[in-house]
Amino acid sequence: MSLTRTTKIEDLPTLLTVKEAATFLGVGIATMYAMVANDYIPSQKFGKCIRIPKEAFMPEESRQQEQ
């Protein structure tokens, strides 16, 4: 799947790479890594791989309704 800034949240994969998340948000990869390192964006590490759940990009109200 090719992600762009206009991709709908519903169409995102469950877990995104840092590069995919940066593309979706329209920020640089270094900025995305900094956001992950400073816990601005929730993430999961699998060995050396960092994955960001698509729920991180949903408005907080939507996340609360799903729980």
PDB file of N, CA and C in Angstrom:
ATOM      1  N   MET A   1       0.843  -1.182   0.000  1.00  0.00           N
ATOM      2  CA  MET A   1       0.000   0.000   0.000  1.00  0.00           C
ATOM      3  C   MET A   1       0.884   1.239   0.000  1.00  0.00           C
ATOM      4  N   SER A   2       0.486   2.188  -0.790  1.00  0.00           N
ATOM      5  CA  SER A   2       1.212   3.449  -0.870  1.00  0.00           C
ATOM      6  C   SER A   2       0.484   4.506  -0.042  1.00  0.00           C
ATOM      7  N   LEU A   3       1.157   5.031   0.961  1.00  0.00           N
ATOM      8  CA  LEU A   3       0.544   6.028   1.832  1.00  0.00           C
ATOM      9  C   LEU A   3       0.868   7.430   1.354  1.00  0.00           C
ATOM     10  N   THR A   4      -0.094   8.318   1.530  1.00  0.00           N
ATOM     11  CA  THR A   4       0.112   9.732   1.268  1.00  0.00           C
ATOM     12  C   THR A   4      -0.516  10.505   2.416  1.00  0.00           C
ATOM     13  N   ARG A   5      -0.376  11.817   2.383  1.00  0.00           N
ATOM     14  CA  ARG A   5      -0.990  12.644   3.431  1.00  0.00           C
ATOM     15  C   ARG A   5      -2.504  12.618   3.334  1.00  0.00           C
ATOM     16  N   THR A   6      -3.052  12.206   2.186  1.00  0.00           N
ATOM     17  CA  THR A   6      -4.505  12.201   2.006  1.00  0.00           C
ATOM     18  C   THR A   6      -5.127  10.834   2.256  1.00  0.00           C
ATOM     19  N   THR A   7      -4.322   9.847   2.658  1.00  0.00           N
ATOM     20  CA  THR A   7      -4.843   8.523   2.981  1.00  0.00           C
ATOM     21  C   THR A   7      -5.767   8.633   4.197  1.00  0.00           C
ATOM     22  N   LYS A   8      -6.908   7.979   4.125  1.00  0.00           N
ATOM     23  CA  LYS A   8      -7.851   7.994   5.252  1.00  0.00           C
ATOM     24  C   LYS A   8      -7.321   7.107   6.375  1.00  0.00           C
ATOM     25  N   ILE A   9      -7.619   7.479   7.598  1.00  0.00           N
ATOM     26  CA  ILE A   9      -7.163   6.703   8.766  1.00  0.00           C
ATOM     27  C   ILE A   9      -7.667   5.272   8.677  1.00  0.00           C
ATOM     28  N   GLU A  10      -8.906   5.095   8.216  1.00  0.00           N
ATOM     29  CA  GLU A  10      -9.480   3.755   8.120  1.00  0.00           C
ATOM     30  C   GLU A  10      -8.694   2.870   7.155  1.00  0.00           C
ATOM     31  N   ASP A  11      -8.014   3.469   6.179  1.00  0.00           N
ATOM     32  CA  ASP A  11      -7.274   2.716   5.177  1.00  0.00           C
ATOM     33  C   ASP A  11      -5.828   2.420   5.580  1.00  0.00           C
ATOM     34  N   LEU A  12      -5.401   2.929   6.724  1.00  0.00           N
ATOM     35  CA  LEU A  12      -4.029   2.684   7.183  1.00  0.00           C
ATOM     36  C   LEU A  12      -3.888   1.239   7.659  1.00  0.00           C
ATOM     37  N   PRO A  13      -2.684   0.667   7.525  1.00  0.00           N
ATOM     38  CA  PRO A  13      -2.460  -0.652   8.119  1.00  0.00           C
ATOM     39  C   PRO A  13      -2.515  -0.543   9.641  1.00  0.00           C
ATOM     40  N   THR A  14      -2.692  -1.659  10.309  1.00  0.00           N
ATOM     41  CA  THR A  14      -2.791  -1.665  11.776  1.00  0.00           C
ATOM     42  C   THR A  14      -1.536  -1.082  12.424  1.00  0.00           C
ATOM     43  N   LEU A  15      -0.358  -1.449  11.913  1.00  0.00           N
ATOM     44  CA  LEU A  15       0.911  -0.925  12.409  1.00  0.00           C
ATOM     45  C   LEU A  15       1.657  -0.288  11.250  1.00  0.00           C
ATOM     46  N   LEU A  16       2.191   0.906  11.475  1.00  0.00           N
ATOM     47  CA  LEU A  16       2.935   1.625  10.441  1.00  0.00           C
ATOM     48  C   LEU A  16       4.413   1.679  10.792  1.00  0.00           C
ATOM     49  N   THR A  17       5.245   1.723   9.775  1.00  0.00           N
ATOM     50  CA  THR A  17       6.669   1.957   9.995  1.00  0.00           C
ATOM     51  C   THR A  17       6.851   3.448  10.302  1.00  0.00           C
ATOM     52  N   VAL A  18       8.024   3.801  10.765  1.00  0.00           N
ATOM     53  CA  VAL A  18       8.317   5.206  11.047  1.00  0.00           C
ATOM     54  C   VAL A  18       8.223   6.021   9.753  1.00  0.00           C
ATOM     55  N   LYS A  19       8.717   5.468   8.667  1.00  0.00           N
ATOM     56  CA  LYS A  19       8.675   6.165   7.378  1.00  0.00           C
ATOM     57  C   LYS A  19       7.222   6.380   6.922  1.00  0.00           C
ATOM     58  N   GLU A  20       6.379   5.359   7.061  1.00  0.00           N
ATOM     59  CA  GLU A  20       4.969   5.493   6.676  1.00  0.00           C
ATOM     60  C   GLU A  20       4.267   6.544   7.532  1.00  0.00           C
ATOM     61  N   ALA A  21       4.541   6.514   8.845  1.00  0.00           N
ATOM     62  CA  ALA A  21       3.925   7.481   9.750  1.00  0.00           C
ATOM     63  C   ALA A  21       4.377   8.898   9.424  1.00  0.00           C
ATOM     64  N   ALA A  22       5.646   9.060   9.110  1.00  0.00           N
ATOM     65  CA  ALA A  22       6.167  10.379   8.750  1.00  0.00           C
ATOM     66  C   ALA A  22       5.503  10.886   7.476  1.00  0.00           C
ATOM     67  N   THR A  23       5.349  10.021   6.494  1.00  0.00           N
ATOM     68  CA  THR A  23       4.685  10.399   5.245  1.00  0.00           C
ATOM     69  C   THR A  23       3.248  10.797   5.513  1.00  0.00           C
ATOM     70  N   PHE A  24       2.542  10.015   6.317  1.00  0.00           N
ATOM     71  CA  PHE A  24       1.136  10.294   6.630  1.00  0.00           C
ATOM     72  C   PHE A  24       0.981  11.636   7.332  1.00  0.00           C
ATOM     73  N   LEU A  25       1.885  11.940   8.253  1.00  0.00           N
ATOM     74  CA  LEU A  25       1.804  13.201   9.000  1.00  0.00           C
ATOM     75  C   LEU A  25       2.420  14.381   8.251  1.00  0.00           C
ATOM     76  N   GLY A  26       3.205  14.091   7.225  1.00  0.00           N
ATOM     77  CA  GLY A  26       3.849  15.166   6.474  1.00  0.00           C
ATOM     78  C   GLY A  26       5.037  15.762   7.188  1.00  0.00           C
ATOM     79  N   VAL A  27       5.753  14.925   7.957  1.00  0.00           N
ATOM     80  CA  VAL A  27       6.956  15.378   8.656  1.00  0.00           C
ATOM     81  C   VAL A  27       8.144  14.549   8.175  1.00  0.00           C
ATOM     82  N   GLY A  28       9.338  14.972   8.516  1.00  0.00           N
ATOM     83  CA  GLY A  28      10.531  14.229   8.146  1.00  0.00           C
ATOM     84  C   GLY A  28      10.714  12.991   9.014  1.00  0.00           C
ATOM     85  N   ILE A  29      11.508  12.075   8.511  1.00  0.00           N
ATOM     86  CA  ILE A  29      11.752  10.833   9.251  1.00  0.00           C
ATOM     87  C   ILE A  29      12.459  11.123  10.575  1.00  0.00           C
ATOM     88  N   ALA A  30      13.427  12.032  10.572  1.00  0.00           N
ATOM     89  CA  ALA A  30      14.135  12.374  11.813  1.00  0.00           C
ATOM     90  C   ALA A  30      13.171  12.961  12.841  1.00  0.00           C
ATOM     91  N   THR A  31      12.247  13.787  12.384  1.00  0.00           N
ATOM     92  CA  THR A  31      11.233  14.359  13.285  1.00  0.00           C
ATOM     93  C   THR A  31      10.357  13.256  13.867  1.00  0.00           C
ATOM     94  N   MET A  32       9.979  12.289  13.028  1.00  0.00           N
ATOM     95  CA  MET A  32       9.136  11.186  13.504  1.00  0.00           C
ATOM     96  C   MET A  32       9.868  10.356  14.544  1.00  0.00           C
ATOM     97  N   TYR A  33      11.158  10.063  14.288  1.00  0.00           N
ATOM     98  CA  TYR A  33      11.945   9.323  15.283  1.00  0.00           C
ATOM     99  C   TYR A  33      12.026  10.104  16.597  1.00  0.00           C
ATOM    100  N   ALA A  34      12.182  11.416  16.524  1.00  0.00           N
ATOM    101  CA  ALA A  34      12.234  12.241  17.738  1.00  0.00           C
ATOM    102  C   ALA A  34      10.904  12.202  18.479  1.00  0.00           C
ATOM    103  N   MET A  35       9.804  12.231  17.742  1.00  0.00           N
ATOM    104  CA  MET A  35       8.482  12.169  18.369  1.00  0.00           C
ATOM    105  C   MET A  35       8.272  10.831  19.084  1.00  0.00           C
ATOM    106  N   VAL A  36       8.760   9.757  18.476  1.00  0.00           N
ATOM    107  CA  VAL A  36       8.669   8.434  19.102  1.00  0.00           C
ATOM    108  C   VAL A  36       9.565   8.377  20.339  1.00  0.00           C
ATOM    109  N   ALA A  37      10.794   8.862  20.212  1.00  0.00           N
ATOM    110  CA  ALA A  37      11.750   8.814  21.327  1.00  0.00           C
ATOM    111  C   ALA A  37      11.275   9.624  22.529  1.00  0.00           C
ATOM    112  N   ASN A  38      10.558  10.718  22.275  1.00  0.00           N
ATOM    113  CA  ASN A  38      10.065  11.571  23.358  1.00  0.00           C
ATOM    114  C   ASN A  38       8.648  11.231  23.787  1.00  0.00           C
ATOM    115  N   ASP A  39       8.139  10.096  23.325  1.00  0.00           N
ATOM    116  CA  ASP A  39       6.804   9.586  23.691  1.00  0.00           C
ATOM    117  C   ASP A  39       5.661  10.512  23.294  1.00  0.00           C
ATOM    118  N   TYR A  40       5.865  11.314  22.241  1.00  0.00           N
ATOM    119  CA  TYR A  40       4.754  12.105  21.713  1.00  0.00           C
ATOM    120  C   TYR A  40       3.819  11.231  20.900  1.00  0.00           C
ATOM    121  N   ILE A  41       4.374  10.164  20.342  1.00  0.00           N
ATOM    122  CA  ILE A  41       3.622   9.206  19.542  1.00  0.00           C
ATOM    123  C   ILE A  41       3.829   7.834  20.181  1.00  0.00           C
ATOM    124  N   PRO A  42       2.758   7.116  20.516  1.00  0.00           N
ATOM    125  CA  PRO A  42       2.939   5.773  21.069  1.00  0.00           C
ATOM    126  C   PRO A  42       3.530   4.838  20.014  1.00  0.00           C
ATOM    127  N   SER A  43       4.369   3.924  20.447  1.00  0.00           N
ATOM    128  CA  SER A  43       5.000   3.004  19.504  1.00  0.00           C
ATOM    129  C   SER A  43       5.278   1.675  20.184  1.00  0.00           C
ATOM    130  N   GLN A  44       5.578   0.685  19.359  1.00  0.00           N
ATOM    131  CA  GLN A  44       5.936  -0.640  19.844  1.00  0.00           C
ATOM    132  C   GLN A  44       7.240  -1.037  19.166  1.00  0.00           C
ATOM    133  N   LYS A  45       8.134  -1.656  19.938  1.00  0.00           N
ATOM    134  CA  LYS A  45       9.389  -2.133  19.366  1.00  0.00           C
ATOM    135  C   LYS A  45       9.333  -3.639  19.236  1.00  0.00           C
ATOM    136  N   PHE A  46       9.747  -4.119  18.075  1.00  0.00           N
ATOM    137  CA  PHE A  46       9.874  -5.540  17.805  1.00  0.00           C
ATOM    138  C   PHE A  46      11.327  -5.762  17.399  1.00  0.00           C
ATOM    139  N   GLY A  47      12.160  -6.103  18.369  1.00  0.00           N
ATOM    140  CA  GLY A  47      13.589  -6.179  18.106  1.00  0.00           C
ATOM    141  C   GLY A  47      14.096  -4.776  17.811  1.00  0.00           C
ATOM    142  N   LYS A  48      14.657  -4.575  16.619  1.00  0.00           N
ATOM    143  CA  LYS A  48      15.138  -3.257  16.222  1.00  0.00           C
ATOM    144  C   LYS A  48      14.083  -2.452  15.469  1.00  0.00           C
ATOM    145  N   CYS A  49      12.970  -3.085  15.152  1.00  0.00           N
ATOM    146  CA  CYS A  49      11.915  -2.430  14.365  1.00  0.00           C
ATOM    147  C   CYS A  49      10.965  -1.652  15.261  1.00  0.00           C
ATOM    148  N   ILE A  50      10.624  -0.465  14.840  1.00  0.00           N
ATOM    149  CA  ILE A  50       9.649   0.362  15.547  1.00  0.00           C
ATOM    150  C   ILE A  50       8.381   0.406  14.706  1.00  0.00           C
ATOM    151  N   ARG A  51       7.246   0.146  15.342  1.00  0.00           N
ATOM    152  CA  ARG A  51       5.963   0.219  14.657  1.00  0.00           C
ATOM    153  C   ARG A  51       5.038   1.140  15.449  1.00  0.00           C
ATOM    154  N   ILE A  52       4.225   1.876  14.716  1.00  0.00           N
ATOM    155  CA  ILE A  52       3.318   2.848  15.320  1.00  0.00           C
ATOM    156  C   ILE A  52       1.891   2.407  15.003  1.00  0.00           C
ATOM    157  N   PRO A  53       1.059   2.199  16.027  1.00  0.00           N
ATOM    158  CA  PRO A  53      -0.315   1.774  15.761  1.00  0.00           C
ATOM    159  C   PRO A  53      -1.122   2.899  15.120  1.00  0.00           C
ATOM    160  N   LYS A  54      -2.022   2.533  14.217  1.00  0.00           N
ATOM    161  CA  LYS A  54      -2.805   3.565  13.538  1.00  0.00           C
ATOM    162  C   LYS A  54      -3.689   4.335  14.517  1.00  0.00           C
ATOM    163  N   GLU A  55      -4.001   3.745  15.662  1.00  0.00           N
ATOM    164  CA  GLU A  55      -4.804   4.443  16.669  1.00  0.00           C
ATOM    165  C   GLU A  55      -4.118   5.707  17.169  1.00  0.00           C
ATOM    166  N   ALA A  56      -2.802   5.786  17.016  1.00  0.00           N
ATOM    167  CA  ALA A  56      -2.054   6.970  17.441  1.00  0.00           C
ATOM    168  C   ALA A  56      -2.464   8.206  16.652  1.00  0.00           C
ATOM    169  N   PHE A  57      -3.060   8.012  15.480  1.00  0.00           N
ATOM    170  CA  PHE A  57      -3.437   9.135  14.628  1.00  0.00           C
ATOM    171  C   PHE A  57      -4.919   9.476  14.718  1.00  0.00           C
ATOM    172  N   MET A  58      -5.663   8.709  15.518  1.00  0.00           N
ATOM    173  CA  MET A  58      -7.092   8.968  15.674  1.00  0.00           C
ATOM    174  C   MET A  58      -7.309  10.023  16.750  1.00  0.00           C
ATOM    175  N   PRO A  59      -8.341  10.844  16.592  1.00  0.00           N
ATOM    176  CA  PRO A  59      -8.654  11.805  17.653  1.00  0.00           C
ATOM    177  C   PRO A  59      -8.943  11.065  18.962  1.00  0.00           C
ATOM    178  N   GLU A  60      -8.623  11.686  20.058  1.00  0.00           N
ATOM    179  CA  GLU A  60      -8.782  11.039  21.358  1.00  0.00           C
ATOM    180  C   GLU A  60     -10.222  10.589  21.609  1.00  0.00           C
ATOM    181  N   GLU A  61     -11.197  11.379  21.146  1.00  0.00           N
ATOM    182  CA  GLU A  61     -12.611  11.015  21.339  1.00  0.00           C
ATOM    183  C   GLU A  61     -12.918   9.678  20.649  1.00  0.00           C
ATOM    184  N   SER A  62     -12.364   9.457  19.471  1.00  0.00           N
ATOM    185  CA  SER A  62     -12.594   8.214  18.743  1.00  0.00           C
ATOM    186  C   SER A  62     -11.978   7.041  19.468  1.00  0.00           C
ATOM    187  N   ARG A  63     -10.800   7.228  20.039  1.00  0.00           N
ATOM    188  CA  ARG A  63     -10.140   6.151  20.772  1.00  0.00           C
ATOM    189  C   ARG A  63     -10.926   5.771  22.004  1.00  0.00           C
ATOM    190  N   GLN A  64     -11.508   6.742  22.695  1.00  0.00           N
ATOM    191  CA  GLN A  64     -12.266   6.461  23.904  1.00  0.00           C
ATOM    192  C   GLN A  64     -13.568   5.719  23.580  1.00  0.00           C
ATOM    193  N   GLN A  65     -14.191   6.021  22.454  1.00  0.00           N
ATOM    194  CA  GLN A  65     -15.425   5.360  22.067  1.00  0.00           C
ATOM    195  C   GLN A  65     -15.197   3.885  21.715  1.00  0.00           C
ATOM    196  N   GLU A  66     -14.018   3.565  21.177  1.00  0.00           N
ATOM    197  CA  GLU A  66     -13.717   2.205  20.791  1.00  0.00           C
ATOM    198  C   GLU A  66     -13.438   1.308  21.988  1.00  0.00           C
ATOM    199  N   GLN A  67     -13.051   1.864  23.115  1.00  0.00           N
ATOM    200  CA  GLN A  67     -12.706   1.055  24.296  1.00  0.00           C
ATOM    201  C   GLN A  67     -13.913   0.577  25.033  1.00  0.00           C
TER     202      GLN A  67
END
